[in-house]
C-alpha atoms as a PDB file:
ATOM      1  CA  MET A   1       0.000   0.000   0.000  1.00  0.00           C
ATOM      2  CA  LYS A   2       1.259   3.469  -0.819  1.00  0.00           C
ATOM      3  CA  ASN A   3      -1.035   5.264   1.606  1.00  0.00           C
ATOM      4  CA  GLY A   4      -0.623   4.419   5.274  1.00  0.00           C
ATOM      5  CA  ALA A   5      -4.204   5.319   6.171  1.00  0.00           C
ATOM      6  CA  LEU A   6      -5.476   3.148   3.346  1.00  0.00           C
ATOM      7  CA  ALA A   7      -3.420   0.204   4.525  1.00  0.00           C
ATOM      8  CA  SER A   8      -4.572   0.508   8.122  1.00  0.00           C
ATOM      9  CA  SER A   9      -8.251   0.886   7.269  1.00  0.00           C
ATOM     10  CA  ASN A  10      -8.374  -2.119   4.950  1.00  0.00           C
ATOM     11  CA  LYS A  11      -7.122  -5.289   6.585  1.00  0.00           C
ATOM     12  CA  HIS A  12      -5.918  -7.826   4.062  1.00  0.00           C
ATOM     13  CA  ARG A  13      -5.754 -11.566   4.366  1.00  0.00           C
ATOM     14  CA  PRO A  14      -2.120 -12.744   4.192  1.00  0.00           C
ATOM     15  CA  ILE A  15      -1.636 -14.291   0.749  1.00  0.00           C
ATOM     16  CA  THR A  16       2.065 -13.913  -0.035  1.00  0.00           C
ATOM     17  CA  PRO A  17       4.852 -16.062   1.439  1.00  0.00           C
ATOM     18  CA  HIS A  18       6.254 -13.259   3.586  1.00  0.00           C
ATOM     19  CA  THR A  19       2.880 -11.990   4.856  1.00  0.00           C
ATOM     20  CA  ILE A  20       1.905 -15.556   5.764  1.00  0.00           C
ATOM     21  CA  LEU A  21       5.240 -15.921   7.552  1.00  0.00           C
ATOM     22  CA  SER A  22       4.603 -12.687   9.420  1.00  0.00           C
ATOM     23  CA  ALA A  23       1.161 -13.880  10.547  1.00  0.00           C
ATOM     24  CA  LYS A  24       2.575 -17.198  11.728  1.00  0.00           C
ATOM     25  CA  LEU A  25       5.359 -15.442  13.636  1.00  0.00           C
ATOM     26  CA  ASN A  26       2.748 -13.281  15.339  1.00  0.00           C
ATOM     27  CA  ASP A  27       0.748 -16.387  16.317  1.00  0.00           C
ATOM     28  CA  LEU A  28       3.937 -17.985  17.604  1.00  0.00           C
ATOM     29  CA  LYS A  29       4.764 -14.949  19.727  1.00  0.00           C
ATOM     30  CA  GLU A  30       1.280 -14.856  21.270  1.00  0.00           C
ATOM     31  CA  LEU A  31       1.546 -18.558  22.102  1.00  0.00           C
ATOM     32  CA  MET A  32       4.984 -18.065  23.657  1.00  0.00           C
ATOM     33  CA  LEU A  33       3.762 -15.126  25.723  1.00  0.00           C
ATOM     34  CA  ALA A  34       0.829 -17.154  26.987  1.00  0.00           C
ATOM     35  CA  GLU A  35       3.183 -19.917  28.019  1.00  0.00           C
ATOM     36  CA  GLN A  36       5.744 -17.451  29.447  1.00  0.00           C
ATOM     37  CA  SER A  37       8.475 -18.726  27.176  1.00  0.00           C
ATOM     38  CA  ASN A  38      12.158 -17.959  27.503  1.00  0.00           C
ATOM     39  CA  GLN A  39      12.904 -14.248  26.943  1.00  0.00           C
ATOM     40  CA  ASN A  40      15.716 -15.033  24.509  1.00  0.00           C
ATOM     41  CA  LEU A  41      13.307 -16.969  22.304  1.00  0.00           C
ATOM     42  CA  LEU A  42      10.808 -14.087  22.371  1.00  0.00           C
ATOM     43  CA  GLU A  43      13.540 -11.672  21.352  1.00  0.00           C
ATOM     44  CA  LEU A  44      14.464 -13.980  18.473  1.00  0.00           C
ATOM     45  CA  VAL A  45      10.851 -13.971  17.243  1.00  0.00           C
ATOM     46  CA  ASP A  46      10.806 -10.167  17.526  1.00  0.00           C
ATOM     47  CA  ASP A  47      13.967 -10.013  15.430  1.00  0.00           C
ATOM     48  CA  CYS A  48      12.310 -12.147  12.752  1.00  0.00           C
ATOM     49  CA  LYS A  49       9.186  -9.963  12.769  1.00  0.00           C
ATOM     50  CA  ALA A  50      11.304  -6.802  12.536  1.00  0.00           C
ATOM     51  CA  LEU A  51      12.911  -8.233   9.424  1.00  0.00           C
ATOM     52  CA  ILE A  52       9.721  -9.201   7.613  1.00  0.00           C
ATOM     53  CA  ASP A  53       6.864  -6.952   8.854  1.00  0.00           C
ATOM     54  CA  PRO A  54       8.008  -3.610   7.341  1.00  0.00           C
ATOM     55  CA  LEU A  55       8.920  -5.085   3.950  1.00  0.00           C
ATOM     56  CA  ASP A  56       5.727  -4.294   2.023  1.00  0.00           C
ATOM     57  CA  ALA A  57       5.602  -0.712   3.283  1.00  0.00           C
ATOM     58  CA  TYR A  58       9.290  -0.197   2.511  1.00  0.00           C
ATOM     59  CA  LEU A  59       8.879  -1.490  -1.046  1.00  0.00           C
ATOM     60  CA  ALA A  60       5.942   0.860  -1.594  1.00  0.00           C
ATOM     61  CA  GLN A  61       7.751   3.871  -0.122  1.00  0.00           C
ATOM     62  CA  HIS A  62      10.712   3.357  -2.436  1.00  0.00           C
ATOM     63  CA  SER A  63       8.773   2.612  -5.611  1.00  0.00           C
ATOM     64  CA  SER A  64       7.179   5.246  -7.840  1.00  0.00           C
ATOM     65  CA  SER A  65       3.850   6.495  -6.522  1.00  0.00           C
ATOM     66  CA  PRO A  66       0.680   5.369  -8.295  1.00  0.00           C
ATOM     67  CA  SER A  67      -1.511   7.932 -10.010  1.00  0.00           C
ATOM     68  CA  GLU A  68      -4.576   9.425  -8.357  1.00  0.00           C
ATOM     69  CA  ALA A  69      -6.766   7.294 -10.631  1.00  0.00           C
ATOM     70  CA  LEU A  70      -4.986   4.122  -9.488  1.00  0.00           C
ATOM     71  CA  ASN A  71      -5.311   5.121  -5.837  1.00  0.00           C
ATOM     72  CA  THR A  72      -9.023   5.734  -6.339  1.00  0.00           C
ATOM     73  CA  LEU A  73      -9.440   2.380  -8.071  1.00  0.00           C
ATOM     74  CA  GLU A  74      -7.710   0.638  -5.162  1.00  0.00           C
ATOM     75  CA  ILE A  75      -9.858   2.419  -2.590  1.00  0.00           C
ATOM     76  CA  GLU A  76     -13.069   1.574  -4.452  1.00  0.00           C
ATOM     77  CA  THR A  77     -12.055  -2.079  -4.836  1.00  0.00           C
ATOM     78  CA  ASN A  78     -11.176  -2.428  -1.148  1.00  0.00           C
ATOM     79  CA  ALA A  79     -14.366  -0.662  -0.055  1.00  0.00           C
ATOM     80  CA  LEU A  80     -16.668  -3.063  -1.884  1.00  0.00           C
ATOM     81  CA  ASP A  81     -18.169  -5.916   0.137  1.00  0.00           C
ATOM     82  CA  TRP A  82     -17.237  -8.652  -2.300  1.00  0.00           C
ATOM     83  CA  ASP A  83     -19.119 -11.337  -0.373  1.00  0.00           C
ATOM     84  CA  ASN A  84     -22.442  -9.550  -0.782  1.00  0.00           C
ATOM     85  CA  ALA A  85     -21.970  -7.252  -3.776  1.00  0.00           C
ATOM     86  CA  PHE A  86     -23.542  -9.597  -6.294  1.00  0.00           C
ATOM     87  CA  ASP A  87     -25.299 -12.926  -6.679  1.00  0.00           C
ATOM     88  CA  GLN A  88     -22.635 -15.559  -6.052  1.00  0.00           C
ATOM     89  CA  SER A  89     -24.799 -18.078  -7.885  1.00  0.00           C
ATOM     90  CA  GLU A  90     -24.118 -16.196 -11.119  1.00  0.00           C
ATOM     91  CA  THR A  91     -20.411 -17.041 -11.073  1.00  0.00           C
ATOM     92  CA  ASP A  92     -18.288 -20.020 -10.096  1.00  0.00           C
ATOM     93  CA  LEU A  93     -15.458 -17.706  -9.020  1.00  0.00           C
ATOM     94  CA  HIS A  94     -14.611 -16.606  -5.500  1.00  0.00           C
ATOM     95  CA  LEU A  95     -13.806 -12.913  -5.788  1.00  0.00           C
ATOM     96  CA  GLU A  96     -12.059 -10.922  -3.060  1.00  0.00           C
ATOM     97  CA  LYS A  97     -10.209  -7.624  -2.733  1.00  0.00           C
ATOM     98  CA  GLU A  98      -6.879  -9.428  -2.316  1.00  0.00           C
ATOM     99  CA  MET A  99      -6.993 -10.143  -6.060  1.00  0.00           C
ATOM    100  CA  LEU A 100      -6.011  -6.517  -6.685  1.00  0.00           C
ATOM    101  CA  SER A 101      -2.453  -6.244  -8.050  1.00  0.00           C
ATOM    102  CA  GLY A 102      -1.532  -3.360  -5.746  1.00  0.00           C
ATOM    103  CA  ALA A 103       0.816  -0.390  -5.941  1.00  0.00           C
ATOM    104  CA  VAL A 104       4.224  -2.044  -6.202  1.00  0.00           C
ATOM    105  CA  GLU A 105       3.207  -4.668  -8.744  1.00  0.00           C
ATOM    106  CA  GLY A 106       1.259  -2.048 -10.668  1.00  0.00           C
ATOM    107  CA  GLN A 107       4.362   0.120 -10.954  1.00  0.00           C
ATOM    108  CA  PHE A 108       6.403  -2.944 -11.918  1.00  0.00           C
ATOM    109  CA  LEU A 109       4.012  -3.701 -14.789  1.00  0.00           C
ATOM    110  CA  LYS A 110       3.957  -0.050 -15.834  1.00  0.00           C
ATOM    111  CA  LEU A 111       7.754  -0.088 -15.961  1.00  0.00           C
ATOM    112  CA  LEU A 112       7.727  -3.266 -18.063  1.00  0.00           C
ATOM    113  CA  VAL A 113       5.493  -1.592 -20.643  1.00  0.00           C
ATOM    114  CA  ALA A 114       7.787   1.441 -20.756  1.00  0.00           C
ATOM    115  CA  ILE A 115      11.128  -0.374 -21.042  1.00  0.00           C
ATOM    116  CA  THR A 116       9.849  -2.858 -23.646  1.00  0.00           C
ATOM    117  CA  ASN A 117       8.246  -0.066 -25.719  1.00  0.00           C
ATOM    118  CA  ALA A 118       5.115  -2.189 -25.839  1.00  0.00           C
ATOM    119  CA  LYS A 119       2.242  -0.939 -27.969  1.00  0.00           C
ATOM    120  CA  GLN A 120      -0.011  -3.990 -27.970  1.00  0.00           C
ATOM    121  CA  VAL A 121      -0.665  -5.533 -24.550  1.00  0.00           C
ATOM    122  CA  LEU A 122      -2.860  -8.481 -23.594  1.00  0.00           C
ATOM    123  CA  GLU A 123      -4.055  -9.166 -20.063  1.00  0.00           C
ATOM    124  CA  ILE A 124      -5.622 -12.471 -19.050  1.00  0.00           C
ATOM    125  CA  GLY A 125      -7.629 -11.906 -15.870  1.00  0.00           C
ATOM    126  CA  SER A 126      -8.123  -8.225 -15.113  1.00  0.00           C
ATOM    127  CA  PHE A 127     -10.339  -8.237 -11.972  1.00  0.00           C
ATOM    128  CA  THR A 128     -11.073  -4.513 -11.333  1.00  0.00           C
ATOM    129  CA  SER A 129      -8.453  -3.436 -13.886  1.00  0.00           C
ATOM    130  CA  TYR A 130      -5.815  -1.997 -11.545  1.00  0.00           C
ATOM    131  CA  ALA A 131      -3.033  -3.668 -13.531  1.00  0.00           C
ATOM    132  CA  SER A 132      -4.794  -2.748 -16.792  1.00  0.00           C
ATOM    133  CA  LEU A 133      -4.791   0.936 -15.926  1.00  0.00           C
ATOM    134  CA  ALA A 134      -1.226   0.884 -14.597  1.00  0.00           C
ATOM    135  CA  MET A 135       0.013  -0.589 -17.891  1.00  0.00           C
ATOM    136  CA  ALA A 136      -2.203   1.719 -19.967  1.00  0.00           C
ATOM    137  CA  GLU A 137      -0.567   4.737 -18.304  1.00  0.00           C
ATOM    138  CA  ALA A 138       2.744   3.735 -19.918  1.00  0.00           C
ATOM    139  CA  LEU A 139       1.359   2.941 -23.368  1.00  0.00           C
ATOM    140  CA  PRO A 140       2.086   5.369 -26.223  1.00  0.00           C
ATOM    141  CA  PRO A 141      -0.821   7.378 -27.709  1.00  0.00           C
ATOM    142  CA  ASP A 142      -1.478   4.653 -30.290  1.00  0.00           C
ATOM    143  CA  GLY A 143      -1.079   1.803 -27.802  1.00  0.00           C
ATOM    144  CA  ASN A 144      -3.865  -0.593 -26.848  1.00  0.00           C
ATOM    145  CA  LEU A 145      -4.572  -3.135 -24.125  1.00  0.00           C
ATOM    146  CA  ILE A 146      -7.047  -5.991 -24.377  1.00  0.00           C
ATOM    147  CA  ALA A 147      -8.154  -7.242 -20.962  1.00  0.00           C
ATOM    148  CA  CYS A 148      -9.834 -10.649 -20.695  1.00  0.00           C
ATOM    149  CA  GLU A 149     -12.231 -10.937 -17.758  1.00  0.00           C
ATOM    150  CA  TYR A 150     -14.481 -13.915 -17.102  1.00  0.00           C
ATOM    151  CA  ASP A 151     -16.868 -12.281 -14.618  1.00  0.00           C
ATOM    152  CA  LYS A 152     -19.400  -9.755 -15.945  1.00  0.00           C
ATOM    153  CA  PHE A 153     -19.960  -7.996 -12.612  1.00  0.00           C
ATOM    154  CA  THR A 154     -16.244  -7.390 -12.123  1.00  0.00           C
ATOM    155  CA  ALA A 155     -15.796  -6.224 -15.713  1.00  0.00           C
ATOM    156  CA  THR A 156     -18.633  -3.712 -15.340  1.00  0.00           C
ATOM    157  CA  PHE A 157     -17.139  -2.440 -12.071  1.00  0.00           C
ATOM    158  CA  ALA A 158     -13.735  -2.142 -13.759  1.00  0.00           C
ATOM    159  CA  GLN A 159     -15.118  -0.234 -16.742  1.00  0.00           C
ATOM    160  CA  LYS A 160     -16.604   2.401 -14.447  1.00  0.00           C
ATOM    161  CA  GLN A 161     -13.211   2.803 -12.753  1.00  0.00           C
ATOM    162  CA  LEU A 162     -11.395   3.126 -16.076  1.00  0.00           C
ATOM    163  CA  HIS A 163     -13.624   6.052 -16.993  1.00  0.00           C
ATOM    164  CA  ASN A 164     -11.972   8.041 -14.184  1.00  0.00           C
ATOM    165  CA  SER A 165      -8.699   8.147 -16.102  1.00  0.00           C
ATOM    166  CA  GLN A 166      -7.720   9.602 -19.458  1.00  0.00           C
ATOM    167  CA  TYR A 167      -5.775   6.399 -20.076  1.00  0.00           C
ATOM    168  CA  GLY A 168      -8.781   4.165 -19.516  1.00  0.00           C
ATOM    169  CA  LYS A 169      -9.850   4.545 -23.142  1.00  0.00           C
ATOM    170  CA  LYS A 170      -6.791   2.511 -24.176  1.00  0.00           C
ATOM    171  CA  VAL A 171      -8.237  -0.529 -22.395  1.00  0.00           C
ATOM    172  CA  LYS A 172     -10.790  -2.822 -24.009  1.00  0.00           C
ATOM    173  CA  ILE A 173     -12.363  -5.365 -21.659  1.00  0.00           C
ATOM    174  CA  VAL A 174     -13.500  -8.603 -23.295  1.00  0.00           C
ATOM    175  CA  ILE A 175     -15.912 -10.599 -21.130  1.00  0.00           C
ATOM    176  CA  GLY A 176     -15.971 -14.377 -21.339  1.00  0.00           C
ATOM    177  CA  ASP A 177     -13.756 -17.431 -21.500  1.00  0.00           C
ATOM    178  CA  ALA A 178     -10.176 -16.232 -22.007  1.00  0.00           C
ATOM    179  CA  LEU A 179      -9.234 -19.325 -24.038  1.00  0.00           C
ATOM    180  CA  LYS A 180     -12.005 -18.544 -26.514  1.00  0.00           C
ATOM    181  CA  THR A 181     -10.767 -14.949 -26.690  1.00  0.00           C
ATOM    182  CA  LEU A 182      -7.210 -16.175 -27.335  1.00  0.00           C
ATOM    183  CA  GLU A 183      -8.449 -18.397 -30.168  1.00  0.00           C
ATOM    184  CA  ASP A 184     -10.340 -15.461 -31.696  1.00  0.00           C
ATOM    185  CA  LEU A 185      -7.269 -13.253 -31.447  1.00  0.00           C
ATOM    186  CA  ALA A 186      -5.163 -15.928 -33.127  1.00  0.00           C
ATOM    187  CA  GLN A 187      -7.648 -16.182 -35.997  1.00  0.00           C
ATOM    188  CA  ASN A 188      -7.306 -12.423 -36.459  1.00  0.00           C
ATOM    189  CA  ASN A 189      -3.493 -12.789 -36.551  1.00  0.00           C
ATOM    190  CA  SER A 190      -3.098 -10.642 -33.442  1.00  0.00           C
ATOM    191  CA  VAL A 191       0.401 -10.388 -31.987  1.00  0.00           C
ATOM    192  CA  PHE A 192       1.305  -8.794 -28.657  1.00  0.00           C
ATOM    193  CA  ASP A 193       4.449  -7.200 -27.274  1.00  0.00           C
ATOM    194  CA  LEU A 194       3.589  -7.942 -23.656  1.00  0.00           C
ATOM    195  CA  ILE A 195       1.136 -10.375 -22.056  1.00  0.00           C
ATOM    196  CA  PHE A 196       0.164 -10.393 -18.385  1.00  0.00           C
ATOM    197  CA  ILE A 197      -1.430 -13.544 -16.934  1.00  0.00           C
ATOM    198  CA  ASP A 198      -3.277 -13.256 -13.615  1.00  0.00           C
ATOM    199  CA  ALA A 199      -6.358 -15.439 -13.850  1.00  0.00           C
ATOM    200  CA  ASP A 200      -7.580 -18.857 -12.673  1.00  0.00           C
ATOM    201  CA  LYS A 201      -4.508 -20.876 -11.737  1.00  0.00           C
ATOM    202  CA  ALA A 202      -5.832 -24.100 -13.240  1.00  0.00           C
ATOM    203  CA  GLY A 203      -5.928 -22.337 -16.608  1.00  0.00           C
ATOM    204  CA  TYR A 204      -2.320 -21.118 -16.595  1.00  0.00           C
ATOM    205  CA  GLU A 205      -0.968 -24.103 -18.561  1.00  0.00           C
ATOM    206  CA  ASN A 206      -3.566 -23.743 -21.308  1.00  0.00           C
ATOM    207  CA  TYR A 207      -3.122 -19.980 -21.540  1.00  0.00           C
ATOM    208  CA  PHE A 208       0.646 -20.296 -21.885  1.00  0.00           C
ATOM    209  CA  THR A 209       0.454 -23.169 -24.371  1.00  0.00           C
ATOM    210  CA  THR A 210      -2.134 -21.380 -26.517  1.00  0.00           C
ATOM    211  CA  ILE A 211      -0.096 -18.168 -26.535  1.00  0.00           C
ATOM    212  CA  MET A 212       3.062 -19.983 -27.602  1.00  0.00           C
ATOM    213  CA  ASP A 213       1.508 -22.447 -30.057  1.00  0.00           C
ATOM    214  CA  PHE A 214      -0.517 -19.773 -31.855  1.00  0.00           C
ATOM    215  CA  GLU A 215       2.358 -17.268 -31.693  1.00  0.00           C
ATOM    216  CA  LEU A 216       0.299 -14.581 -30.010  1.00  0.00           C
ATOM    217  CA  LEU A 217       3.516 -13.233 -28.487  1.00  0.00           C
ATOM    218  CA  LYS A 218       6.022 -11.590 -30.806  1.00  0.00           C
ATOM    219  CA  LYS A 219       9.587 -12.858 -30.939  1.00  0.00           C
ATOM    220  CA  ASN A 220      11.521 -11.406 -27.992  1.00  0.00           C
ATOM    221  CA  GLY A 221       8.150 -10.456 -26.515  1.00  0.00           C
ATOM    222  CA  LEU A 222       7.505 -10.795 -22.796  1.00  0.00           C
ATOM    223  CA  ILE A 223       4.953 -12.700 -20.719  1.00  0.00           C
ATOM    224  CA  CYS A 224       4.530 -11.698 -17.070  1.00  0.00           C
ATOM    225  CA  VAL A 225       2.765 -14.253 -14.868  1.00  0.00           C
ATOM    226  CA  ASP A 226       1.447 -13.479 -11.376  1.00  0.00           C
ATOM    227  CA  ASN A 227       1.147 -15.736  -8.292  1.00  0.00           C
ATOM    228  CA  THR A 228       3.866 -18.172  -9.379  1.00  0.00           C
ATOM    229  CA  LEU A 229       4.895 -18.771  -5.756  1.00  0.00           C
ATOM    230  CA  TYR A 230       1.241 -19.121  -4.698  1.00  0.00           C
ATOM    231  CA  MET A 231       1.490 -18.553  -0.946  1.00  0.00           C
ATOM    232  CA  GLY A 232       4.616 -20.710  -0.807  1.00  0.00           C
ATOM    233  CA  GLN A 233       2.746 -23.748  -2.102  1.00  0.00           C
ATOM    234  CA  ALA A 234       4.726 -23.691  -5.349  1.00  0.00           C
ATOM    235  CA  TYR A 235       7.721 -25.022  -3.467  1.00  0.00           C
ATOM    236  CA  GLY A 236       5.732 -27.205  -1.070  1.00  0.00           C
ATOM    237  CA  ALA A 237       5.389 -24.971   1.983  1.00  0.00           C
ATOM    238  CA  GLY A 238       2.545 -26.400   4.108  1.00  0.00           C
ATOM    239  CA  ASP A 239      -0.583 -27.985   2.677  1.00  0.00           C
ATOM    240  CA  VAL A 240      -0.840 -27.742  -1.101  1.00  0.00           C
ATOM    241  CA  THR A 241      -4.237 -26.829  -2.576  1.00  0.00           C
ATOM    242  CA  PRO A 242      -5.401 -27.585  -6.140  1.00  0.00           C
ATOM    243  CA  ASN A 243      -4.316 -24.063  -7.104  1.00  0.00           C
ATOM    244  CA  GLY A 244      -0.918 -24.712  -5.584  1.00  0.00           C
ATOM    245  CA  LEU A 245      -0.596 -27.936  -7.579  1.00  0.00           C
ATOM    246  CA  ALA A 246      -1.620 -26.085 -10.745  1.00  0.00           C
ATOM    247  CA  ILE A 247       1.124 -23.516 -10.196  1.00  0.00           C
ATOM    248  CA  GLN A 248       3.680 -26.277  -9.574  1.00  0.00           C
ATOM    249  CA  LYS A 249       2.747 -27.882 -12.910  1.00  0.00           C
ATOM    250  CA  PHE A 250       2.818 -24.535 -14.703  1.00  0.00           C
ATOM    251  CA  ASN A 251       6.257 -23.646 -13.351  1.00  0.00           C
ATOM    252  CA  ARG A 252       7.623 -27.020 -14.474  1.00  0.00           C
ATOM    253  CA  LEU A 253       6.060 -26.567 -17.915  1.00  0.00           C
ATOM    254  CA  VAL A 254       7.718 -23.181 -18.422  1.00  0.00           C
ATOM    255  CA  ALA A 255      11.058 -24.359 -17.031  1.00  0.00           C
ATOM    256  CA  HIS A 256      11.207 -27.164 -19.632  1.00  0.00           C
ATOM    257  CA  ASP A 257       9.962 -25.162 -22.634  1.00  0.00           C
ATOM    258  CA  GLU A 258      12.932 -24.494 -24.926  1.00  0.00           C
ATOM    259  CA  ARG A 259      11.067 -21.715 -26.721  1.00  0.00           C
ATOM    260  CA  VAL A 260      11.446 -19.356 -23.775  1.00  0.00           C
ATOM    261  CA  GLN A 261      13.837 -17.862 -21.254  1.00  0.00           C
ATOM    262  CA  GLN A 262      12.371 -17.195 -17.816  1.00  0.00           C
ATOM    263  CA  VAL A 263      13.122 -15.908 -14.331  1.00  0.00           C
ATOM    264  CA  LEU A 264      10.899 -16.252 -11.249  1.00  0.00           C
ATOM    265  CA  LEU A 265      11.007 -13.225  -8.944  1.00  0.00           C
ATOM    266  CA  PRO A 266       9.828 -13.150  -5.282  1.00  0.00           C
ATOM    267  CA  LEU A 267       7.700 -10.025  -5.818  1.00  0.00           C
ATOM    268  CA  ARG A 268       4.528 -10.249  -3.709  1.00  0.00           C
ATOM    269  CA  ASP A 269       3.163 -13.756  -4.417  1.00  0.00           C
ATOM    270  CA  GLY A 270       5.752 -14.493  -7.091  1.00  0.00           C
ATOM    271  CA  VAL A 271       6.080 -13.053 -10.606  1.00  0.00           C
ATOM    272  CA  THR A 272       7.625 -14.919 -13.525  1.00  0.00           C
ATOM    273  CA  LEU A 273       9.012 -13.072 -16.539  1.00  0.00           C
ATOM    274  CA  ILE A 274       9.086 -15.168 -19.703  1.00  0.00           C
ATOM    275  CA  ARG A 275      10.764 -14.068 -22.944  1.00  0.00           C
ATOM    276  CA  ARG A 276       9.965 -15.751 -26.234  1.00  0.00           C
ATOM    277  CA  ILE A 277      13.327 -16.613 -27.726  1.00  0.00           C
ATOM    278  CA  ALA A 278      13.734 -15.348 -31.283  1.00  0.00           C
END
C-alpha cells in the first residue's frame, strides 16, 4: 500500500509467502507469551518480525507512486463488500479484494510496458483493472490493451473505474472465457508485445500453451505471470491446494519449454518473466 491510512483501514488476508510468515510469527509470539516462554526466544521472534513486517511498506515507499486514478481504483475495490456485492450463484469464481495487483506490482508492470516499448498488450484476468490501468498509463498514444475478464460484474465495475482516467480509453475489456478470446485473437493474426497472466490458476498451462503455439507473443516479446509462488505452495510450503498444484505444474512446464527464457522473482506472491526466444 502506498497510503498508510489506506493500509490501516483495509485489513488484508495474508496471501504472499512473507505476509503468511509474518502472521505465523505473530501467532507464535502470542503462544509463547501465553506460556511465558524464555525471553531469549521471544527476542528472536521479535527479530524475525522486525525483518519481515516492514517489507511491504518499505517497497511501496521506495517505488514510484501510483496515479490518483490508481489510488481511487484501489480504494473503491477495497471498499466493496465482495461477499455480498452480487449474486454468487451467477459465477463459479470466489472474488475478493486481495486479487487486486496493488501499488508495487502495478508500478512494476507499468515499468515493463515502458522499457519494452510495448504498444499492444494483452491481459488475461483483469479483476477490477488496476493492472490494466497501470500498464495503460505507460502505453504510447497509439497503444492498446485488451483485458480478458471472465466475470461480468467485475468487468462492469472495472469499466466504471477506467472512466476516471484519461488512459482508460486505451483498455478494451473482453468478457468471457479467455481461451475462446485467445483463439479469436489468433484467428485475427493478433500479436502482442507484452502479455500479463493473472487469472484462474488451473488455466495457466492452457493460456501459456495457446499463446506460444498460436504465436500470439512476438519474438523477444515478454509474458509476465502473477502468483507463481502461490502462498509458498509452489515449493511445497505447508498444505498444497489444487491451485498450488496447478502452479507447480505450470512452473515445471515453463522451465522445460525451450522456446522461452524465464526468471521467477519473489515479488509479492511471485512473478515470472518469460521471454519468447527469437
